[in-house]
C-alpha atoms as a PDB file:
ATOM      1  CA  MET A   1     136.959 198.896  18.489  1.00  0.00           C
ATOM      2  CA  ARG A   2     135.523 195.408  18.583  1.00  0.00           C
ATOM      3  CA  LYS A   3     137.070 192.466  16.778  1.00  0.00           C
ATOM      4  CA  ASP A   4     134.135 192.296  14.395  1.00  0.00           C
ATOM      5  CA  HIS A   5     134.644 195.950  13.377  1.00  0.00           C
ATOM      6  CA  LEU A   6     138.329 195.222  12.587  1.00  0.00           C
ATOM      7  CA  LYS A   7     137.386 192.125  10.560  1.00  0.00           C
ATOM      8  CA  PHE A   8     134.886 194.103   8.530  1.00  0.00           C
ATOM      9  CA  ILE A   9     137.333 196.982   7.915  1.00  0.00           C
ATOM     10  CA  ALA A  10     139.971 194.414   6.903  1.00  0.00           C
ATOM     11  CA  ALA A  11     137.501 192.964   4.363  1.00  0.00           C
ATOM     12  CA  MET A  12     136.895 196.440   2.912  1.00  0.00           C
ATOM     13  CA  GLY A  13     140.651 196.932   2.624  1.00  0.00           C
ATOM     14  CA  LEU A  14     141.026 193.638   0.739  1.00  0.00           C
ATOM     15  CA  TYR A  15     138.122 194.330  -1.596  1.00  0.00           C
ATOM     16  CA  SER A  16     139.465 197.816  -2.376  1.00  0.00           C
ATOM     17  CA  SER A  17     142.833 196.436  -3.503  1.00  0.00           C
ATOM     18  CA  CYS A  18     141.407 194.021  -6.081  1.00  0.00           C
ATOM     19  CA  GLY A  19     141.655 196.535  -8.909  1.00  0.00           C
ATOM     20  CA  ILE A  20     145.187 197.558  -7.838  1.00  0.00           C
ATOM     21  CA  ILE A  21     146.451 193.968  -7.931  1.00  0.00           C
ATOM     22  CA  ALA A  22     144.763 193.320 -11.277  1.00  0.00           C
ATOM     23  CA  LYS A  23     146.702 196.206 -12.831  1.00  0.00           C
ATOM     24  CA  PHE A  24     149.969 194.279 -12.290  1.00  0.00           C
ATOM     25  CA  ILE A  25     148.754 190.993 -13.828  1.00  0.00           C
ATOM     26  CA  ASP A  26     149.631 190.383 -17.449  1.00  0.00           C
ATOM     27  CA  LEU A  27     146.256 188.920 -18.424  1.00  0.00           C
ATOM     28  CA  SER A  28     143.064 190.299 -19.920  1.00  0.00           C
ATOM     29  CA  SER A  29     140.299 191.516 -17.565  1.00  0.00           C
ATOM     30  CA  THR A  30     138.190 188.477 -18.618  1.00  0.00           C
ATOM     31  CA  GLN A  31     140.977 186.018 -17.716  1.00  0.00           C
ATOM     32  CA  ILE A  32     141.602 187.724 -14.386  1.00  0.00           C
ATOM     33  CA  VAL A  33     137.914 187.586 -13.408  1.00  0.00           C
ATOM     34  CA  PHE A  34     137.758 183.928 -14.538  1.00  0.00           C
ATOM     35  CA  LEU A  35     140.662 182.886 -12.291  1.00  0.00           C
ATOM     36  CA  ARG A  36     139.516 185.080  -9.383  1.00  0.00           C
ATOM     37  CA  THR A  37     136.055 183.593  -9.267  1.00  0.00           C
ATOM     38  CA  LEU A  38     137.373 180.068  -9.660  1.00  0.00           C
ATOM     39  CA  LEU A  39     139.763 180.297  -6.708  1.00  0.00           C
ATOM     40  CA  GLY A  40     137.446 182.414  -4.576  1.00  0.00           C
ATOM     41  CA  SER A  41     134.424 180.136  -5.014  1.00  0.00           C
ATOM     42  CA  LEU A  42     136.503 177.044  -4.243  1.00  0.00           C
ATOM     43  CA  LEU A  43     137.803 178.563  -1.002  1.00  0.00           C
ATOM     44  CA  LEU A  44     134.422 179.883   0.168  1.00  0.00           C
ATOM     45  CA  ALA A  45     132.725 176.551  -0.640  1.00  0.00           C
ATOM     46  CA  GLY A  46     135.454 174.813   1.321  1.00  0.00           C
ATOM     47  CA  ILE A  47     134.999 177.103   4.333  1.00  0.00           C
ATOM     48  CA  PHE A  48     131.217 176.546   4.155  1.00  0.00           C
ATOM     49  CA  PHE A  49     131.391 172.766   4.261  1.00  0.00           C
ATOM     50  CA  LEU A  50     134.369 172.431   6.573  1.00  0.00           C
ATOM     51  CA  SER A  51     132.584 174.644   9.109  1.00  0.00           C
ATOM     52  CA  GLY A  52     129.890 172.015   9.279  1.00  0.00           C
ATOM     53  CA  LYS A  53     127.238 173.975   7.446  1.00  0.00           C
ATOM     54  CA  LYS A  54     124.816 172.354   5.040  1.00  0.00           C
ATOM     55  CA  PRO A  55     122.549 173.739   2.326  1.00  0.00           C
ATOM     56  CA  SER A  56     119.327 175.003   3.854  1.00  0.00           C
ATOM     57  CA  ARG A  57     116.294 172.703   3.358  1.00  0.00           C
ATOM     58  CA  LYS A  58     113.880 175.556   3.996  1.00  0.00           C
ATOM     59  CA  ALA A  59     114.990 177.712   1.081  1.00  0.00           C
ATOM     60  CA  SER A  60     112.621 177.602  -1.872  1.00  0.00           C
ATOM     61  CA  LEU A  61     113.634 176.990  -5.443  1.00  0.00           C
ATOM     62  CA  ARG A  62     112.613 180.579  -6.223  1.00  0.00           C
ATOM     63  CA  SER A  63     115.122 181.946  -3.707  1.00  0.00           C
ATOM     64  CA  ARG A  64     117.917 179.795  -5.067  1.00  0.00           C
ATOM     65  CA  LEU A  65     117.170 180.829  -8.641  1.00  0.00           C
ATOM     66  CA  LEU A  66     117.191 184.502  -7.618  1.00  0.00           C
ATOM     67  CA  VAL A  67     120.614 184.076  -5.996  1.00  0.00           C
ATOM     68  CA  ILE A  68     121.896 182.230  -9.086  1.00  0.00           C
ATOM     69  CA  ALA A  69     120.535 185.043 -11.298  1.00  0.00           C
ATOM     70  CA  SER A  70     122.242 187.624  -9.100  1.00  0.00           C
ATOM     71  CA  GLY A  71     125.465 185.686  -9.578  1.00  0.00           C
ATOM     72  CA  VAL A  72     125.077 185.864 -13.336  1.00  0.00           C
ATOM     73  CA  VAL A  73     124.511 189.618 -13.225  1.00  0.00           C
ATOM     74  CA  MET A  74     127.496 189.991 -10.860  1.00  0.00           C
ATOM     75  CA  ALA A  75     129.657 188.233 -13.398  1.00  0.00           C
ATOM     76  CA  VAL A  76     128.761 190.882 -15.940  1.00  0.00           C
ATOM     77  CA  ASP A  77     129.402 193.579 -13.317  1.00  0.00           C
ATOM     78  CA  TRP A  78     132.907 192.271 -12.631  1.00  0.00           C
ATOM     79  CA  LEU A  79     133.756 191.875 -16.296  1.00  0.00           C
ATOM     80  CA  LEU A  80     132.656 195.450 -16.912  1.00  0.00           C
ATOM     81  CA  VAL A  81     134.361 197.046 -13.939  1.00  0.00           C
ATOM     82  CA  TYR A  82     137.668 195.317 -14.593  1.00  0.00           C
ATOM     83  CA  GLU A  83     137.548 196.556 -18.128  1.00  0.00           C
ATOM     84  CA  ALA A  84     136.801 200.021 -16.751  1.00  0.00           C
ATOM     85  CA  TYR A  85     139.851 199.729 -14.496  1.00  0.00           C
ATOM     86  CA  ASN A  86     141.969 199.038 -17.578  1.00  0.00           C
ATOM     87  CA  ARG A  87     140.541 201.941 -19.580  1.00  0.00           C
ATOM     88  CA  ILE A  88     139.852 204.756 -17.141  1.00  0.00           C
ATOM     89  CA  GLY A  89     141.796 203.677 -14.021  1.00  0.00           C
ATOM     90  CA  VAL A  90     140.848 202.160 -10.747  1.00  0.00           C
ATOM     91  CA  SER A  91     139.807 205.448  -9.119  1.00  0.00           C
ATOM     92  CA  LEU A  92     137.069 206.390 -11.561  1.00  0.00           C
ATOM     93  CA  GLY A  93     136.030 202.787 -12.177  1.00  0.00           C
ATOM     94  CA  THR A  94     135.449 202.262  -8.432  1.00  0.00           C
ATOM     95  CA  VAL A  95     133.543 205.558  -7.999  1.00  0.00           C
ATOM     96  CA  LEU A  96     131.273 204.888 -11.023  1.00  0.00           C
ATOM     97  CA  GLU A  97     130.450 201.385  -9.866  1.00  0.00           C
ATOM     98  CA  TYR A  98     129.364 202.794  -6.504  1.00  0.00           C
ATOM     99  CA  MET A  99     126.486 204.516  -8.308  1.00  0.00           C
ATOM    100  CA  GLY A 100     124.882 201.063  -7.903  1.00  0.00           C
ATOM    101  CA  PRO A 101     123.485 201.563  -4.417  1.00  0.00           C
ATOM    102  CA  ILE A 102     121.991 204.933  -5.431  1.00  0.00           C
ATOM    103  CA  ILE A 103     120.309 203.252  -8.446  1.00  0.00           C
ATOM    104  CA  VAL A 104     118.843 200.650  -6.056  1.00  0.00           C
ATOM    105  CA  ILE A 105     117.377 203.467  -3.949  1.00  0.00           C
ATOM    106  CA  ALA A 106     115.874 205.093  -7.048  1.00  0.00           C
ATOM    107  CA  LEU A 107     114.297 201.772  -8.136  1.00  0.00           C
ATOM    108  CA  SER A 108     113.202 200.685  -4.657  1.00  0.00           C
ATOM    109  CA  PRO A 109     109.600 201.897  -5.061  1.00  0.00           C
ATOM    110  CA  LEU A 110     109.208 199.548  -8.012  1.00  0.00           C
ATOM    111  CA  PHE A 111     110.723 196.426  -6.416  1.00  0.00           C
ATOM    112  CA  PHE A 112     110.410 196.810  -2.621  1.00  0.00           C
ATOM    113  CA  ASP A 113     107.447 199.243  -2.140  1.00  0.00           C
ATOM    114  CA  GLU A 114     109.953 201.594  -0.459  1.00  0.00           C
ATOM    115  CA  LYS A 115     109.016 205.278  -0.249  1.00  0.00           C
ATOM    116  CA  ILE A 116     111.495 207.884  -1.483  1.00  0.00           C
ATOM    117  CA  ASN A 117     111.584 210.908   0.822  1.00  0.00           C
ATOM    118  CA  ALA A 118     113.176 214.303   0.211  1.00  0.00           C
ATOM    119  CA  LYS A 119     116.510 213.176   1.595  1.00  0.00           C
ATOM    120  CA  LYS A 120     116.718 210.234  -0.803  1.00  0.00           C
ATOM    121  CA  VAL A 121     115.757 212.471  -3.732  1.00  0.00           C
ATOM    122  CA  PHE A 122     118.545 214.871  -2.765  1.00  0.00           C
ATOM    123  CA  ALA A 123     121.008 212.012  -2.519  1.00  0.00           C
ATOM    124  CA  ILE A 124     119.984 210.654  -5.935  1.00  0.00           C
ATOM    125  CA  PHE A 125     120.391 214.023  -7.616  1.00  0.00           C
ATOM    126  CA  MET A 126     123.804 214.515  -6.017  1.00  0.00           C
ATOM    127  CA  ALA A 127     125.058 211.155  -7.185  1.00  0.00           C
ATOM    128  CA  PHE A 128     123.754 211.505 -10.719  1.00  0.00           C
ATOM    129  CA  GLY A 129     125.100 215.068 -10.832  1.00  0.00           C
ATOM    130  CA  GLY A 130     128.476 213.707  -9.931  1.00  0.00           C
ATOM    131  CA  ALA A 131     128.266 211.113 -12.716  1.00  0.00           C
ATOM    132  CA  ALA A 132     127.313 213.837 -15.154  1.00  0.00           C
ATOM    133  CA  MET A 133     130.376 215.868 -14.203  1.00  0.00           C
ATOM    134  CA  ILE A 134     132.602 212.832 -14.766  1.00  0.00           C
ATOM    135  CA  SER A 135     130.863 212.130 -18.051  1.00  0.00           C
ATOM    136  CA  GLY A 136     131.404 215.711 -19.164  1.00  0.00           C
ATOM    137  CA  THR A 137     135.132 215.131 -18.944  1.00  0.00           C
ATOM    138  CA  ALA A 138     134.774 212.149 -21.246  1.00  0.00           C
ATOM    139  CA  LEU A 139     132.871 214.242 -23.793  1.00  0.00           C
ATOM    140  CA  SER A 140     135.679 216.765 -23.816  1.00  0.00           C
ATOM    141  CA  GLY A 141     138.128 214.007 -24.651  1.00  0.00           C
ATOM    142  CA  GLY A 142     139.657 213.523 -21.182  1.00  0.00           C
ATOM    143  CA  ILE A 143     138.369 209.963 -20.547  1.00  0.00           C
ATOM    144  CA  ASP A 144     138.186 206.833 -22.623  1.00  0.00           C
ATOM    145  CA  VAL A 145     134.467 206.753 -23.507  1.00  0.00           C
ATOM    146  CA  LYS A 146     134.254 202.974 -23.677  1.00  0.00           C
ATOM    147  CA  GLY A 147     135.735 202.766 -20.180  1.00  0.00           C
ATOM    148  CA  LEU A 148     133.231 205.276 -18.906  1.00  0.00           C
ATOM    149  CA  ILE A 149     130.373 203.251 -20.424  1.00  0.00           C
ATOM    150  CA  CYS A 150     131.737 200.070 -18.792  1.00  0.00           C
ATOM    151  CA  GLY A 151     131.851 201.836 -15.399  1.00  0.00           C
ATOM    152  CA  VAL A 152     128.240 203.142 -15.695  1.00  0.00           C
ATOM    153  CA  LEU A 153     126.952 199.732 -16.927  1.00  0.00           C
ATOM    154  CA  ALA A 154     128.787 198.122 -14.008  1.00  0.00           C
ATOM    155  CA  ALA A 155     126.817 200.314 -11.643  1.00  0.00           C
ATOM    156  CA  PHE A 156     123.491 199.156 -13.122  1.00  0.00           C
ATOM    157  CA  CYS A 157     124.656 195.534 -12.937  1.00  0.00           C
ATOM    158  CA  LEU A 158     125.588 196.044  -9.278  1.00  0.00           C
ATOM    159  CA  ALA A 159     122.122 197.418  -8.713  1.00  0.00           C
ATOM    160  CA  GLY A 160     120.613 194.384 -10.431  1.00  0.00           C
ATOM    161  CA  THR A 161     122.712 192.103  -8.290  1.00  0.00           C
ATOM    162  CA  VAL A 162     121.465 193.743  -5.098  1.00  0.00           C
ATOM    163  CA  ILE A 163     117.826 193.782  -6.160  1.00  0.00           C
ATOM    164  CA  LEU A 164     117.867 190.061  -7.169  1.00  0.00           C
ATOM    165  CA  ASN A 165     119.771 189.060  -4.035  1.00  0.00           C
ATOM    166  CA  LYS A 166     117.594 191.158  -1.698  1.00  0.00           C
ATOM    167  CA  SER A 167     114.557 189.335  -3.097  1.00  0.00           C
ATOM    168  CA  ALA A 168     115.981 185.972  -1.973  1.00  0.00           C
ATOM    169  CA  ARG A 169     115.262 186.094   1.741  1.00  0.00           C
ATOM    170  CA  GLU A 170     115.524 182.436   2.672  1.00  0.00           C
ATOM    171  CA  LEU A 171     119.295 181.895   2.401  1.00  0.00           C
ATOM    172  CA  ASP A 172     121.743 182.981   5.111  1.00  0.00           C
ATOM    173  CA  GLY A 173     124.780 185.102   4.264  1.00  0.00           C
ATOM    174  CA  MET A 174     127.408 182.423   3.814  1.00  0.00           C
ATOM    175  CA  GLU A 175     125.266 179.974   1.808  1.00  0.00           C
ATOM    176  CA  ASN A 176     123.994 182.961  -0.262  1.00  0.00           C
ATOM    177  CA  SER A 177     127.558 184.011  -0.945  1.00  0.00           C
ATOM    178  CA  VAL A 178     128.804 180.573  -1.941  1.00  0.00           C
ATOM    179  CA  LEU A 179     125.902 179.942  -4.345  1.00  0.00           C
ATOM    180  CA  GLN A 180     126.188 183.386  -5.883  1.00  0.00           C
ATOM    181  CA  LEU A 181     129.959 183.211  -6.386  1.00  0.00           C
ATOM    182  CA  LEU A 182     129.746 179.741  -7.894  1.00  0.00           C
ATOM    183  CA  SER A 183     127.140 180.955 -10.398  1.00  0.00           C
ATOM    184  CA  THR A 184     129.363 183.962 -11.086  1.00  0.00           C
ATOM    185  CA  PHE A 185     132.244 181.625 -11.864  1.00  0.00           C
ATOM    186  CA  VAL A 186     130.152 179.389 -14.150  1.00  0.00           C
ATOM    187  CA  THR A 187     128.931 182.434 -16.051  1.00  0.00           C
ATOM    188  CA  VAL A 188     132.450 183.881 -16.470  1.00  0.00           C
ATOM    189  CA  ALA A 189     133.847 180.477 -17.420  1.00  0.00           C
ATOM    190  CA  LEU A 190     131.271 179.977 -20.152  1.00  0.00           C
ATOM    191  CA  TYR A 191     131.903 183.480 -21.510  1.00  0.00           C
ATOM    192  CA  THR A 192     135.683 182.980 -21.395  1.00  0.00           C
ATOM    193  CA  MET A 193     135.526 179.627 -23.179  1.00  0.00           C
ATOM    194  CA  LEU A 194     133.114 180.859 -25.883  1.00  0.00           C
ATOM    195  CA  ARG A 195     135.561 183.653 -26.638  1.00  0.00           C
ATOM    196  CA  GLY A 196     138.490 181.285 -26.573  1.00  0.00           C
ATOM    197  CA  GLN A 197     140.279 183.368 -23.970  1.00  0.00           C
ATOM    198  CA  VAL A 198     141.034 180.663 -21.380  1.00  0.00           C
ATOM    199  CA  ALA A 199     144.642 181.235 -20.354  1.00  0.00           C
ATOM    200  CA  LEU A 200     146.884 180.682 -17.326  1.00  0.00           C
ATOM    201  CA  PRO A 201     149.517 183.065 -16.018  1.00  0.00           C
ATOM    202  CA  ALA A 202     152.821 182.747 -17.808  1.00  0.00           C
ATOM    203  CA  THR A 203     155.109 183.918 -15.012  1.00  0.00           C
ATOM    204  CA  THR A 204     155.616 183.181 -11.331  1.00  0.00           C
ATOM    205  CA  HIS A 205     154.895 186.850 -10.616  1.00  0.00           C
ATOM    206  CA  ASP A 206     151.421 186.607 -12.257  1.00  0.00           C
ATOM    207  CA  TRP A 207     150.679 183.310 -10.531  1.00  0.00           C
ATOM    208  CA  ILE A 208     151.444 184.805  -7.108  1.00  0.00           C
ATOM    209  CA  LEU A 209     149.175 187.800  -7.782  1.00  0.00           C
ATOM    210  CA  ILE A 210     146.351 185.623  -9.100  1.00  0.00           C
ATOM    211  CA  LEU A 211     146.533 183.342  -6.048  1.00  0.00           C
ATOM    212  CA  ILE A 212     146.444 186.363  -3.750  1.00  0.00           C
ATOM    213  CA  LEU A 213     143.521 187.878  -5.653  1.00  0.00           C
ATOM    214  CA  GLY A 214     141.546 184.670  -5.645  1.00  0.00           C
ATOM    215  CA  PHE A 215     142.218 183.192  -2.221  1.00  0.00           C
ATOM    216  CA  VAL A 216     142.900 186.312  -0.123  1.00  0.00           C
ATOM    217  CA  ASN A 217     141.045 189.185  -1.771  1.00  0.00           C
ATOM    218  CA  THR A 218     138.028 187.080  -2.736  1.00  0.00           C
ATOM    219  CA  GLY A 219     137.826 183.966  -0.507  1.00  0.00           C
ATOM    220  CA  ILE A 220     139.272 185.203   2.812  1.00  0.00           C
ATOM    221  CA  ALA A 221     137.792 188.685   2.356  1.00  0.00           C
ATOM    222  CA  GLY A 222     134.372 187.101   1.822  1.00  0.00           C
ATOM    223  CA  TRP A 223     134.777 185.049   5.021  1.00  0.00           C
ATOM    224  CA  LEU A 224     135.814 188.187   7.004  1.00  0.00           C
ATOM    225  CA  TYR A 225     132.923 190.112   5.572  1.00  0.00           C
ATOM    226  CA  PHE A 226     130.157 187.639   6.260  1.00  0.00           C
ATOM    227  CA  SER A 227     131.394 186.486   9.673  1.00  0.00           C
ATOM    228  CA  SER A 228     131.489 190.069  10.909  1.00  0.00           C
ATOM    229  CA  MET A 229     128.374 191.277   9.058  1.00  0.00           C
ATOM    230  CA  SER A 230     126.216 188.766  10.903  1.00  0.00           C
ATOM    231  CA  VAL A 231     127.246 190.420  14.225  1.00  0.00           C
ATOM    232  CA  LEU A 232     127.448 194.112  13.415  1.00  0.00           C
ATOM    233  CA  PRO A 233     124.389 196.371  13.230  1.00  0.00           C
ATOM    234  CA  ALA A 234     123.088 196.910   9.682  1.00  0.00           C
ATOM    235  CA  GLN A 235     123.716 200.691   9.945  1.00  0.00           C
ATOM    236  CA  THR A 236     127.349 200.036  10.784  1.00  0.00           C
ATOM    237  CA  VAL A 237     127.719 197.655   7.875  1.00  0.00           C
ATOM    238  CA  SER A 238     126.297 200.165   5.437  1.00  0.00           C
ATOM    239  CA  MET A 239     128.443 203.108   6.599  1.00  0.00           C
ATOM    240  CA  LEU A 240     131.711 201.097   6.916  1.00  0.00           C
ATOM    241  CA  GLY A 241     131.018 199.659   3.463  1.00  0.00           C
ATOM    242  CA  TYR A 242     132.002 203.001   1.907  1.00  0.00           C
ATOM    243  CA  LEU A 243     135.515 202.595   3.271  1.00  0.00           C
ATOM    244  CA  GLU A 244     136.068 200.349   0.229  1.00  0.00           C
ATOM    245  CA  VAL A 245     135.783 203.349  -2.027  1.00  0.00           C
ATOM    246  CA  VAL A 246     137.978 205.524   0.178  1.00  0.00           C
ATOM    247  CA  PHE A 247     140.653 202.845   0.438  1.00  0.00           C
ATOM    248  CA  GLY A 248     140.461 202.232  -3.297  1.00  0.00           C
ATOM    249  CA  LEU A 249     140.981 205.931  -4.114  1.00  0.00           C
ATOM    250  CA  VAL A 250     143.917 206.243  -1.677  1.00  0.00           C
ATOM    251  CA  LEU A 251     145.616 203.075  -2.955  1.00  0.00           C
ATOM    252  CA  ALA A 252     145.169 204.096  -6.601  1.00  0.00           C
ATOM    253  CA  ALA A 253     146.771 207.452  -5.851  1.00  0.00           C
ATOM    254  CA  VAL A 254     149.674 206.059  -3.830  1.00  0.00           C
ATOM    255  CA  ILE A 255     150.498 202.886  -5.739  1.00  0.00           C
ATOM    256  CA  LEU A 256     149.296 203.622  -9.301  1.00  0.00           C
ATOM    257  CA  HIS A 257     149.839 207.411  -9.095  1.00  0.00           C
ATOM    258  CA  GLU A 258     146.387 207.987 -10.570  1.00  0.00           C
ATOM    259  CA  THR A 259     145.126 211.547 -10.485  1.00  0.00           C
ATOM    260  CA  MET A 260     141.732 213.021 -11.237  1.00  0.00           C
ATOM    261  CA  THR A 261     140.877 216.380 -12.672  1.00  0.00           C
ATOM    262  CA  MET A 262     139.049 218.945 -10.580  1.00  0.00           C
ATOM    263  CA  ALA A 263     135.773 218.143 -12.346  1.00  0.00           C
ATOM    264  CA  GLN A 264     136.295 214.367 -11.776  1.00  0.00           C
ATOM    265  CA  THR A 265     137.179 214.941  -8.121  1.00  0.00           C
ATOM    266  CA  VAL A 266     134.087 217.074  -7.499  1.00  0.00           C
ATOM    267  CA  GLY A 267     131.965 214.455  -9.331  1.00  0.00           C
ATOM    268  CA  ALA A 268     133.416 211.648  -7.184  1.00  0.00           C
ATOM    269  CA  LEU A 269     132.747 213.595  -4.015  1.00  0.00           C
ATOM    270  CA  LEU A 270     129.098 214.230  -5.050  1.00  0.00           C
ATOM    271  CA  ILE A 271     128.601 210.533  -5.728  1.00  0.00           C
ATOM    272  CA  LEU A 272     130.088 209.480  -2.371  1.00  0.00           C
ATOM    273  CA  THR A 273     128.308 212.240  -0.460  1.00  0.00           C
ATOM    274  CA  GLY A 274     124.971 211.269  -2.012  1.00  0.00           C
ATOM    275  CA  ALA A 275     125.606 207.611  -1.097  1.00  0.00           C
ATOM    276  CA  VAL A 276     126.476 208.424   2.496  1.00  0.00           C
ATOM    277  CA  ILE A 277     123.501 210.760   2.903  1.00  0.00           C
ATOM    278  CA  SER A 278     121.240 208.007   1.684  1.00  0.00           C
ATOM    279  CA  GLU A 279     122.476 205.749   4.500  1.00  0.00           C
ATOM    280  CA  VAL A 280     121.865 208.171   7.376  1.00  0.00           C
ATOM    281  CA  LYS A 281     119.253 207.173   9.982  1.00  0.00           C
ATOM    282  CA  GLY A 282     118.602 203.629   8.990  1.00  0.00           C
ATOM    283  CA  ILE A 283     118.396 203.664   5.167  1.00  0.00           C
ATOM    284  CA  ASP A 284     120.663 200.633   5.205  1.00  0.00           C
ATOM    285  CA  GLY A 285     118.646 197.552   4.435  1.00  0.00           C
ATOM    286  CA  ILE A 286     118.317 198.425   0.784  1.00  0.00           C
ATOM    287  CA  ILE A 287     121.946 198.770  -0.186  1.00  0.00           C
ATOM    288  CA  HIS A 288     123.973 196.304   1.778  1.00  0.00           C
ATOM    289  CA  GLY A 289     121.277 193.992   2.980  1.00  0.00           C
ATOM    290  CA  ARG A 290     125.412 194.056  -0.541  1.00  0.00           C
ATOM    291  CA  ARG A 291     128.379 193.440  -0.841  1.00  0.00           C
ATOM    292  CA  ARG A 292     127.715 192.727   0.219  1.00  0.00           C
ATOM    293  CA  LYS A 293     124.297 189.136   2.039  1.00  0.00           C
ATOM    294  CA  ASN A 294     125.361 188.602  -1.636  1.00  0.00           C
ATOM    295  CA  GLY A 295     128.910 187.870  -1.646  1.00  0.00           C
ATOM    296  CA  TYR A 296     130.317 190.997  -2.836  1.00  0.00           C
ATOM    297  CA  ILE A 297     128.813 193.631  -3.191  1.00  0.00           C
ATOM    298  CA  ALA A 298     129.397 193.917  -2.311  1.00  0.00           C
ATOM    299  CA  VAL A 299     127.054 194.373  -2.622  1.00  0.00           C
ATOM    300  CA  GLN A 300     125.102 192.799  -0.641  1.00  0.00           C
ATOM    301  CA  GLY A 301     128.007 193.901  -0.332  1.00  0.00           C
ATOM    302  CA  ILE A 302     131.236 192.184  -2.577  1.00  0.00           C
ATOM    303  CA  SER A 303     130.781 190.157  -3.694  1.00  0.00           C
ATOM    304  CA  ASP A 304     130.046 193.244  -3.224  1.00  0.00           C
ATOM    305  CA  ARG A 305     132.020 193.801  -5.519  1.00  0.00           C
ATOM    306  CA  ARG A 306     132.867 193.965  -4.675  1.00  0.00           C
END
């Protein structure tokens, strides 16, 4: 396996552990996202400028505004998904957020003049069927409904992040990521200050975890992701991107001892299967084009994200 494959897989592993680490920090989800975006954006900006790169002069104001808008939407995505982690667990929160790429495919005819073939329709129905099974558990009293709503809304925000970022075609991956993460931080900072929730960790334990989450799981993971994504084929990026979900589910089970009911497990498998089917034979530019050219999400990759 090439070095770039290993770097990309390492990035997926780091992204997948963000929710796990957050569960051990004694701060609200808003405060955690605030500190994570602050530290991550500082590190990525430092890497960008220390590597000798400069802001592109060819990029239009429209492209920059689209990236900034995607960062604002990503801020809402992260706030929602971290709240979902707190309410329904990392496993279900991660799976529900990954409805985002499927939503992008469903909306692609409206925004990108993409055609939806039978395979895509099948993938969409599988994914939404899986979400319906998970939602059914909530209606029967097995899941915190507010957490479920946060997870579903996070998926739509992730889709919005990808659509906005995909529309900005004049910025390269690293510059795109830095600008997006900075706008994410500014948005979260304003929200945090307006709610009067600005707070720093009270213990050494929390400080260590926040520094790891910000510098390693956000900044270094972003560098690993974008430096490898620029070399790997798009199809490889799209398929390996789903390792984040797999790693997240495994870590949640091993470290947090989270379990899912049979209906939730089947629903999660339907969502992931639909997402993978949608990627087969070159349907890759739409989704990750995520975590993950965007900075996370992931999205366009990460940021997608994740």
